Every structure is written in structure tokens, then in C-alpha cells.
Amino acid sequence: MKEIEKFLEEKQVRPTAMRILIFRFLAKKKVAVTLADIELVFDKSDRTTLYRTIKTFEEKGIVHQIDDGTGVAKYALCEAGCNCEIDSDLHLHFHCNNCNETQCLTENKIPEINLPPGFTATDANLVVKGLCNKCNGS
């Protein structure tokens, strides 16, 4: 637990009990989760507290938001050394059309995109859709 507290403090996030619990929950997940997924696990907690925790984590570069085309934002922990910069840390995501899980494919980086003069990118998202290894029977 002290390791999580130290990490949060390094990210300038006060390590409250709820923040530590949510961080631990996200760290155990191999797939991105929705706010509703977090609410199910922490059903006795205030919804606003959960939302604010995720937004704080996002602002401080602890989690990143994924738009996988389902219309529901999903969140995943950033990998070590990530600073969520559009020009250096973006990676692919895979969304399974069968089980509806979305996974970060951090080893597959999005290549740099040269925009025309006057264009400024603020976000980029590349989602590959198909069947995951569980649903594909592999």
C-alpha cells in the first residue's frame, strides 16, 4: 500500500483511502473499465467521489480515457513513464465486438502524424475492432 501512496504523491495526488482502493482496482484489471464498472465494485461509495477520483487521475496522467466507439468512456492505467502526450505516448486499443472488452496494446504505438500547417492535434485515438483471443477461441 505504501508503494501506491508514494506513486500518488509523486503525481501530486493526495493518497486518500478511496483513491488507493480505486488505483488498486484499476491495477488488477487487464482491460479498460467504465465508470459504471467502478461504481459496481464500490457500490457503497458516493458516485461523485468515484467520478472525481477518475477525473483527478486523468488530469494527473495516472489513467487515460479511451473512446472505443461504444459511446461510453473507458479508463485504463497509464503505463510507467507515460505522460499522455499526443506526440510520444499514444498506443493502439483493441475492442472486442463479442465481449465488449477494450484493451490497451501499449507495445503498438501510433505513429507520428504530420498535420497540414495551421492544424493542431489535441487528441488521437486508434481502436482496432474484432474478436479478442478469448472470444476467438485462441
N, C-alpha and C. Protein backbone atom coordinates (compact mmCIF):
# COMPACT_ATOMS: atom_id res chain seq x y z
N MET A 1 0.82 -1.19 0.00
CA MET A 1 0.00 0.00 0.00
C MET A 1 0.86 1.26 0.00
N LYS A 2 1.97 1.23 0.69
CA LYS A 2 2.86 2.39 0.75
C LYS A 2 3.38 2.75 -0.63
N GLU A 3 3.56 1.75 -1.49
CA GLU A 3 4.04 2.00 -2.85
C GLU A 3 3.02 2.82 -3.64
N ILE A 4 1.75 2.51 -3.50
CA ILE A 4 0.69 3.25 -4.17
C ILE A 4 0.63 4.68 -3.63
N GLU A 5 0.72 4.81 -2.32
CA GLU A 5 0.70 6.14 -1.72
C GLU A 5 1.85 7.00 -2.26
N LYS A 6 3.02 6.42 -2.34
CA LYS A 6 4.20 7.15 -2.84
C LYS A 6 3.99 7.55 -4.29
N PHE A 7 3.46 6.62 -5.10
CA PHE A 7 3.21 6.92 -6.51
C PHE A 7 2.22 8.08 -6.65
N LEU A 8 1.12 8.03 -5.91
CA LEU A 8 0.12 9.10 -5.99
C LEU A 8 0.71 10.44 -5.56
N GLU A 9 1.50 10.43 -4.50
CA GLU A 9 2.14 11.67 -4.04
C GLU A 9 3.09 12.22 -5.09
N GLU A 10 3.82 11.34 -5.78
CA GLU A 10 4.71 11.78 -6.86
C GLU A 10 3.92 12.43 -7.99
N LYS A 11 2.70 12.00 -8.19
CA LYS A 11 1.82 12.57 -9.22
C LYS A 11 1.02 13.76 -8.69
N GLN A 12 1.34 14.18 -7.48
CA GLN A 12 0.69 15.31 -6.80
C GLN A 12 -0.80 15.06 -6.57
N VAL A 13 -1.09 13.82 -6.15
CA VAL A 13 -2.45 13.41 -5.80
C VAL A 13 -2.42 12.96 -4.35
N ARG A 14 -3.28 13.55 -3.54
CA ARG A 14 -3.34 13.16 -2.13
C ARG A 14 -3.86 11.73 -2.04
N PRO A 15 -3.12 10.84 -1.38
CA PRO A 15 -3.49 9.41 -1.34
C PRO A 15 -4.58 9.11 -0.30
N THR A 16 -5.82 9.43 -0.63
CA THR A 16 -6.92 9.09 0.27
C THR A 16 -7.21 7.59 0.17
N ALA A 17 -7.95 7.09 1.13
CA ALA A 17 -8.29 5.66 1.13
C ALA A 17 -9.02 5.26 -0.16
N MET A 18 -9.98 6.09 -0.61
CA MET A 18 -10.74 5.77 -1.82
C MET A 18 -9.84 5.79 -3.05
N ARG A 19 -8.96 6.75 -3.15
CA ARG A 19 -8.05 6.82 -4.30
C ARG A 19 -7.14 5.60 -4.35
N ILE A 20 -6.67 5.18 -3.20
CA ILE A 20 -5.82 3.99 -3.14
C ILE A 20 -6.61 2.76 -3.57
N LEU A 21 -7.84 2.63 -3.10
CA LEU A 21 -8.67 1.48 -3.48
C LEU A 21 -8.96 1.46 -4.98
N ILE A 22 -9.28 2.62 -5.55
CA ILE A 22 -9.57 2.68 -6.98
C ILE A 22 -8.32 2.39 -7.79
N PHE A 23 -7.18 2.93 -7.37
CA PHE A 23 -5.93 2.64 -8.06
C PHE A 23 -5.64 1.14 -8.04
N ARG A 24 -5.79 0.53 -6.89
CA ARG A 24 -5.54 -0.91 -6.76
C ARG A 24 -6.49 -1.71 -7.68
N PHE A 25 -7.76 -1.31 -7.73
CA PHE A 25 -8.74 -1.96 -8.60
C PHE A 25 -8.32 -1.86 -10.06
N LEU A 26 -7.92 -0.65 -10.49
CA LEU A 26 -7.50 -0.46 -11.88
C LEU A 26 -6.23 -1.25 -12.20
N ALA A 27 -5.34 -1.33 -11.23
CA ALA A 27 -4.08 -2.04 -11.45
C ALA A 27 -4.29 -3.54 -11.66
N LYS A 28 -5.35 -4.08 -11.08
CA LYS A 28 -5.64 -5.51 -11.23
C LYS A 28 -6.33 -5.83 -12.55
N LYS A 29 -6.89 -4.82 -13.20
CA LYS A 29 -7.65 -5.03 -14.44
C LYS A 29 -6.71 -5.14 -15.63
N LYS A 30 -7.02 -6.09 -16.50
CA LYS A 30 -6.25 -6.24 -17.74
C LYS A 30 -6.96 -5.54 -18.90
N VAL A 31 -8.17 -5.04 -18.62
CA VAL A 31 -8.96 -4.35 -19.64
C VAL A 31 -9.38 -2.99 -19.11
N ALA A 32 -9.75 -2.10 -20.02
CA ALA A 32 -10.25 -0.79 -19.62
C ALA A 32 -11.62 -0.94 -18.97
N VAL A 33 -11.94 -0.04 -18.05
CA VAL A 33 -13.20 -0.12 -17.32
C VAL A 33 -13.98 1.18 -17.47
N THR A 34 -15.29 1.08 -17.33
CA THR A 34 -16.15 2.25 -17.36
C THR A 34 -16.36 2.75 -15.93
N LEU A 35 -16.89 3.94 -15.83
CA LEU A 35 -17.23 4.46 -14.51
C LEU A 35 -18.29 3.56 -13.87
N ALA A 36 -19.20 3.03 -14.68
CA ALA A 36 -20.23 2.11 -14.15
C ALA A 36 -19.60 0.85 -13.57
N ASP A 37 -18.52 0.34 -14.20
CA ASP A 37 -17.81 -0.82 -13.66
C ASP A 37 -17.24 -0.51 -12.27
N ILE A 38 -16.69 0.68 -12.13
CA ILE A 38 -16.12 1.10 -10.85
C ILE A 38 -17.23 1.26 -9.81
N GLU A 39 -18.36 1.83 -10.24
CA GLU A 39 -19.50 2.00 -9.33
C GLU A 39 -20.02 0.66 -8.83
N LEU A 40 -20.01 -0.36 -9.67
CA LEU A 40 -20.48 -1.68 -9.25
C LEU A 40 -19.61 -2.26 -8.14
N VAL A 41 -18.31 -2.07 -8.26
CA VAL A 41 -17.39 -2.61 -7.28
C VAL A 41 -17.45 -1.81 -5.97
N PHE A 42 -17.58 -0.50 -6.10
CA PHE A 42 -17.62 0.38 -4.93
C PHE A 42 -19.04 0.91 -4.75
N ASP A 43 -19.99 0.00 -4.68
CA ASP A 43 -21.41 0.36 -4.66
C ASP A 43 -21.83 1.13 -3.41
N LYS A 44 -21.07 1.07 -2.36
CA LYS A 44 -21.39 1.81 -1.13
C LYS A 44 -20.80 3.23 -1.15
N SER A 45 -20.00 3.51 -2.16
CA SER A 45 -19.33 4.81 -2.25
C SER A 45 -20.18 5.82 -3.01
N ASP A 46 -19.91 7.07 -2.73
CA ASP A 46 -20.59 8.16 -3.41
C ASP A 46 -20.14 8.23 -4.87
N ARG A 47 -21.10 8.29 -5.77
CA ARG A 47 -20.80 8.31 -7.21
C ARG A 47 -19.93 9.51 -7.59
N THR A 48 -20.19 10.65 -6.98
CA THR A 48 -19.42 11.85 -7.27
C THR A 48 -17.96 11.67 -6.87
N THR A 49 -17.72 11.03 -5.76
CA THR A 49 -16.34 10.77 -5.31
C THR A 49 -15.62 9.89 -6.32
N LEU A 50 -16.29 8.87 -6.82
CA LEU A 50 -15.67 7.97 -7.80
C LEU A 50 -15.35 8.74 -9.08
N TYR A 51 -16.30 9.53 -9.55
CA TYR A 51 -16.10 10.31 -10.77
C TYR A 51 -14.95 11.30 -10.59
N ARG A 52 -14.93 11.99 -9.48
CA ARG A 52 -13.86 12.97 -9.24
C ARG A 52 -12.49 12.29 -9.13
N THR A 53 -12.47 11.11 -8.55
CA THR A 53 -11.21 10.37 -8.46
C THR A 53 -10.68 10.03 -9.85
N ILE A 54 -11.56 9.51 -10.70
CA ILE A 54 -11.13 9.16 -12.07
C ILE A 54 -10.69 10.41 -12.83
N LYS A 55 -11.42 11.50 -12.69
CA LYS A 55 -11.05 12.74 -13.38
C LYS A 55 -9.72 13.28 -12.85
N THR A 56 -9.48 13.19 -11.56
CA THR A 56 -8.20 13.61 -10.99
C THR A 56 -7.08 12.73 -11.53
N PHE A 57 -7.30 11.42 -11.56
CA PHE A 57 -6.31 10.50 -12.10
C PHE A 57 -6.02 10.84 -13.57
N GLU A 58 -7.05 11.18 -14.32
CA GLU A 58 -6.86 11.51 -15.73
C GLU A 58 -6.06 12.80 -15.88
N GLU A 59 -6.40 13.83 -15.11
CA GLU A 59 -5.70 15.11 -15.17
C GLU A 59 -4.23 14.97 -14.78
N LYS A 60 -3.93 14.06 -13.87
CA LYS A 60 -2.56 13.89 -13.38
C LYS A 60 -1.77 12.83 -14.16
N GLY A 61 -2.36 12.28 -15.22
CA GLY A 61 -1.65 11.31 -16.06
C GLY A 61 -1.52 9.94 -15.43
N ILE A 62 -2.44 9.58 -14.56
CA ILE A 62 -2.43 8.25 -13.93
C ILE A 62 -3.26 7.27 -14.76
N VAL A 63 -4.36 7.76 -15.32
CA VAL A 63 -5.18 6.96 -16.22
C VAL A 63 -5.37 7.73 -17.52
N HIS A 64 -5.73 7.01 -18.56
CA HIS A 64 -6.14 7.68 -19.80
C HIS A 64 -7.52 7.18 -20.19
N GLN A 65 -8.25 8.08 -20.83
CA GLN A 65 -9.60 7.76 -21.27
C GLN A 65 -9.53 7.18 -22.68
N ILE A 66 -10.39 6.18 -22.92
CA ILE A 66 -10.42 5.52 -24.22
C ILE A 66 -11.81 5.66 -24.80
N ASP A 67 -11.88 6.14 -26.02
CA ASP A 67 -13.13 6.20 -26.76
C ASP A 67 -13.07 5.04 -27.75
N ASP A 68 -13.77 3.95 -27.41
CA ASP A 68 -13.70 2.75 -28.27
C ASP A 68 -14.88 2.65 -29.24
N GLY A 69 -15.64 3.73 -29.35
CA GLY A 69 -16.76 3.75 -30.29
C GLY A 69 -18.06 3.23 -29.72
N THR A 70 -18.08 2.82 -28.45
CA THR A 70 -19.30 2.30 -27.85
C THR A 70 -20.16 3.41 -27.26
N GLY A 71 -19.64 4.62 -27.19
CA GLY A 71 -20.37 5.73 -26.62
C GLY A 71 -20.20 5.87 -25.12
N VAL A 72 -19.42 4.97 -24.52
CA VAL A 72 -19.16 5.01 -23.08
C VAL A 72 -17.65 5.11 -22.88
N ALA A 73 -17.23 6.14 -22.14
CA ALA A 73 -15.80 6.31 -21.88
C ALA A 73 -15.29 5.17 -21.02
N LYS A 74 -14.09 4.70 -21.35
CA LYS A 74 -13.42 3.67 -20.56
C LYS A 74 -12.09 4.22 -20.11
N TYR A 75 -11.59 3.67 -19.02
CA TYR A 75 -10.36 4.17 -18.42
C TYR A 75 -9.40 3.02 -18.15
N ALA A 76 -8.11 3.30 -18.34
CA ALA A 76 -7.06 2.32 -18.05
C ALA A 76 -5.87 3.05 -17.45
N LEU A 77 -5.14 2.37 -16.59
CA LEU A 77 -3.93 2.96 -16.02
C LEU A 77 -2.91 3.22 -17.12
N CYS A 78 -2.22 4.33 -16.99
CA CYS A 78 -1.13 4.62 -17.91
C CYS A 78 0.05 3.73 -17.56
N GLU A 79 0.83 3.40 -18.56
CA GLU A 79 2.00 2.58 -18.30
C GLU A 79 3.10 3.43 -17.68
N ALA A 80 4.08 2.79 -17.10
CA ALA A 80 5.19 3.50 -16.45
C ALA A 80 5.88 4.41 -17.46
N GLY A 81 6.15 5.63 -17.05
CA GLY A 81 6.85 6.57 -17.92
C GLY A 81 5.93 7.32 -18.87
N CYS A 82 4.66 7.00 -18.88
CA CYS A 82 3.71 7.67 -19.77
C CYS A 82 3.42 9.07 -19.26
N ASN A 83 3.32 10.01 -20.19
CA ASN A 83 2.88 11.35 -19.80
C ASN A 83 1.69 11.78 -20.65
N CYS A 84 1.10 10.83 -21.37
CA CYS A 84 -0.12 11.06 -22.16
C CYS A 84 0.03 12.19 -23.16
N GLU A 85 1.23 12.36 -23.68
CA GLU A 85 1.47 13.39 -24.69
C GLU A 85 1.07 12.83 -26.04
N ILE A 86 0.42 13.66 -26.85
CA ILE A 86 -0.08 13.21 -28.14
C ILE A 86 1.05 12.82 -29.10
N ASP A 87 2.23 13.42 -28.92
CA ASP A 87 3.30 13.14 -29.87
C ASP A 87 4.27 12.04 -29.42
N SER A 88 4.03 11.44 -28.23
CA SER A 88 5.00 10.44 -27.80
C SER A 88 4.43 9.21 -27.11
N ASP A 89 3.21 9.29 -26.58
CA ASP A 89 2.74 8.19 -25.73
C ASP A 89 1.47 7.49 -26.23
N LEU A 90 1.03 7.77 -27.42
CA LEU A 90 -0.22 7.18 -27.86
C LEU A 90 -0.01 5.76 -28.37
N HIS A 91 -0.96 4.89 -28.04
CA HIS A 91 -0.88 3.49 -28.44
C HIS A 91 -2.24 3.01 -28.95
N LEU A 92 -2.24 1.85 -29.58
CA LEU A 92 -3.48 1.27 -30.08
C LEU A 92 -4.32 0.71 -28.95
N HIS A 93 -5.60 0.59 -29.23
CA HIS A 93 -6.53 -0.09 -28.33
C HIS A 93 -7.27 -1.13 -29.16
N PHE A 94 -7.65 -2.22 -28.53
CA PHE A 94 -8.40 -3.27 -29.21
C PHE A 94 -9.74 -3.44 -28.50
N HIS A 95 -10.82 -3.35 -29.28
CA HIS A 95 -12.17 -3.53 -28.74
C HIS A 95 -12.76 -4.81 -29.32
N CYS A 96 -13.16 -5.72 -28.43
CA CYS A 96 -13.77 -6.97 -28.86
C CYS A 96 -15.26 -6.74 -29.09
N ASN A 97 -15.71 -7.04 -30.29
CA ASN A 97 -17.12 -6.87 -30.64
C ASN A 97 -18.02 -7.89 -29.95
N ASN A 98 -17.44 -8.96 -29.42
CA ASN A 98 -18.24 -10.00 -28.79
C ASN A 98 -18.40 -9.76 -27.28
N CYS A 99 -17.30 -9.65 -26.55
CA CYS A 99 -17.37 -9.50 -25.09
C CYS A 99 -17.39 -8.03 -24.66
N ASN A 100 -17.17 -7.11 -25.59
CA ASN A 100 -17.23 -5.68 -25.34
C ASN A 100 -16.08 -5.16 -24.48
N GLU A 101 -15.01 -5.96 -24.33
CA GLU A 101 -13.84 -5.51 -23.57
C GLU A 101 -12.91 -4.71 -24.47
N THR A 102 -12.26 -3.72 -23.88
CA THR A 102 -11.29 -2.91 -24.59
C THR A 102 -9.96 -3.03 -23.86
N GLN A 103 -8.91 -3.31 -24.62
CA GLN A 103 -7.58 -3.49 -24.03
C GLN A 103 -6.59 -2.51 -24.65
N CYS A 104 -5.67 -2.05 -23.84
CA CYS A 104 -4.56 -1.25 -24.34
C CYS A 104 -3.55 -2.18 -25.00
N LEU A 105 -3.07 -1.79 -26.15
CA LEU A 105 -1.98 -2.50 -26.82
C LEU A 105 -0.77 -1.57 -26.78
N THR A 106 -0.22 -1.43 -25.58
CA THR A 106 0.82 -0.42 -25.35
C THR A 106 2.08 -0.65 -26.17
N GLU A 107 2.31 -1.88 -26.59
CA GLU A 107 3.51 -2.13 -27.38
C GLU A 107 3.34 -1.66 -28.83
N ASN A 108 2.12 -1.33 -29.22
CA ASN A 108 1.84 -0.85 -30.56
C ASN A 108 1.56 0.65 -30.51
N LYS A 109 2.58 1.45 -30.79
CA LYS A 109 2.45 2.91 -30.72
C LYS A 109 1.83 3.45 -32.00
N ILE A 110 1.06 4.53 -31.85
CA ILE A 110 0.51 5.22 -33.01
C ILE A 110 1.64 6.05 -33.60
N PRO A 111 1.90 5.90 -34.90
CA PRO A 111 2.99 6.67 -35.49
C PRO A 111 2.67 8.16 -35.51
N GLU A 112 3.71 8.96 -35.58
CA GLU A 112 3.53 10.41 -35.65
C GLU A 112 2.79 10.77 -36.93
N ILE A 113 1.83 11.66 -36.80
CA ILE A 113 1.04 12.10 -37.94
C ILE A 113 1.39 13.54 -38.22
N ASN A 114 1.83 13.80 -39.45
CA ASN A 114 2.18 15.17 -39.85
C ASN A 114 0.94 15.86 -40.36
N LEU A 115 0.46 16.82 -39.60
CA LEU A 115 -0.73 17.57 -39.97
C LEU A 115 -0.36 18.76 -40.87
N PRO A 116 -1.30 19.20 -41.69
CA PRO A 116 -1.03 20.39 -42.52
C PRO A 116 -0.79 21.62 -41.66
N PRO A 117 -0.12 22.61 -42.20
CA PRO A 117 0.11 23.85 -41.45
C PRO A 117 -1.21 24.44 -40.95
N GLY A 118 -1.18 24.93 -39.70
CA GLY A 118 -2.36 25.53 -39.11
C GLY A 118 -3.24 24.55 -38.35
N PHE A 119 -2.99 23.25 -38.48
CA PHE A 119 -3.76 22.24 -37.75
C PHE A 119 -3.02 21.90 -36.47
N THR A 120 -3.76 21.73 -35.38
CA THR A 120 -3.18 21.34 -34.10
C THR A 120 -3.97 20.17 -33.54
N ALA A 121 -3.29 19.08 -33.29
CA ALA A 121 -3.94 17.91 -32.70
C ALA A 121 -4.03 18.06 -31.19
N THR A 122 -5.18 17.74 -30.65
CA THR A 122 -5.35 17.75 -29.20
C THR A 122 -5.58 16.35 -28.65
N ASP A 123 -5.94 15.43 -29.51
CA ASP A 123 -6.18 14.05 -29.09
C ASP A 123 -6.12 13.16 -30.32
N ALA A 124 -5.76 11.92 -30.11
CA ALA A 124 -5.78 10.93 -31.17
C ALA A 124 -6.16 9.60 -30.56
N ASN A 125 -6.89 8.82 -31.30
CA ASN A 125 -7.38 7.55 -30.78
C ASN A 125 -7.47 6.57 -31.94
N LEU A 126 -6.84 5.45 -31.79
CA LEU A 126 -6.92 4.43 -32.82
C LEU A 126 -7.37 3.13 -32.16
N VAL A 127 -8.55 2.68 -32.55
CA VAL A 127 -9.14 1.47 -31.98
C VAL A 127 -9.29 0.44 -33.08
N VAL A 128 -8.73 -0.72 -32.85
CA VAL A 128 -8.90 -1.85 -33.74
C VAL A 128 -10.04 -2.69 -33.17
N LYS A 129 -10.98 -3.08 -34.02
CA LYS A 129 -12.13 -3.85 -33.55
C LYS A 129 -12.12 -5.23 -34.17
N GLY A 130 -12.59 -6.19 -33.42
CA GLY A 130 -12.64 -7.57 -33.90
C GLY A 130 -12.99 -8.50 -32.75
N LEU A 131 -12.38 -9.68 -32.75
CA LEU A 131 -12.60 -10.66 -31.68
C LEU A 131 -11.30 -10.84 -30.91
N CYS A 132 -11.39 -10.76 -29.58
CA CYS A 132 -10.20 -10.97 -28.74
C CYS A 132 -9.84 -12.46 -28.72
N ASN A 133 -8.70 -12.76 -28.13
CA ASN A 133 -8.22 -14.15 -28.09
C ASN A 133 -9.17 -15.06 -27.32
N LYS A 134 -9.88 -14.56 -26.30
CA LYS A 134 -10.83 -15.39 -25.55
C LYS A 134 -12.04 -15.73 -26.41
N CYS A 135 -12.56 -14.72 -27.11
CA CYS A 135 -13.77 -14.92 -27.91
C CYS A 135 -13.46 -15.64 -29.22
N ASN A 136 -12.23 -15.57 -29.64
CA ASN A 136 -11.81 -16.20 -30.89
C ASN A 136 -11.45 -17.67 -30.66
N GLY A 137 -11.42 -18.09 -29.40
CA GLY A 137 -11.09 -19.47 -29.10
C GLY A 137 -9.61 -19.77 -29.15
N SER A 138 -8.77 -18.74 -29.14
CA SER A 138 -7.31 -18.93 -29.21
C SER A 138 -6.72 -18.99 -27.83
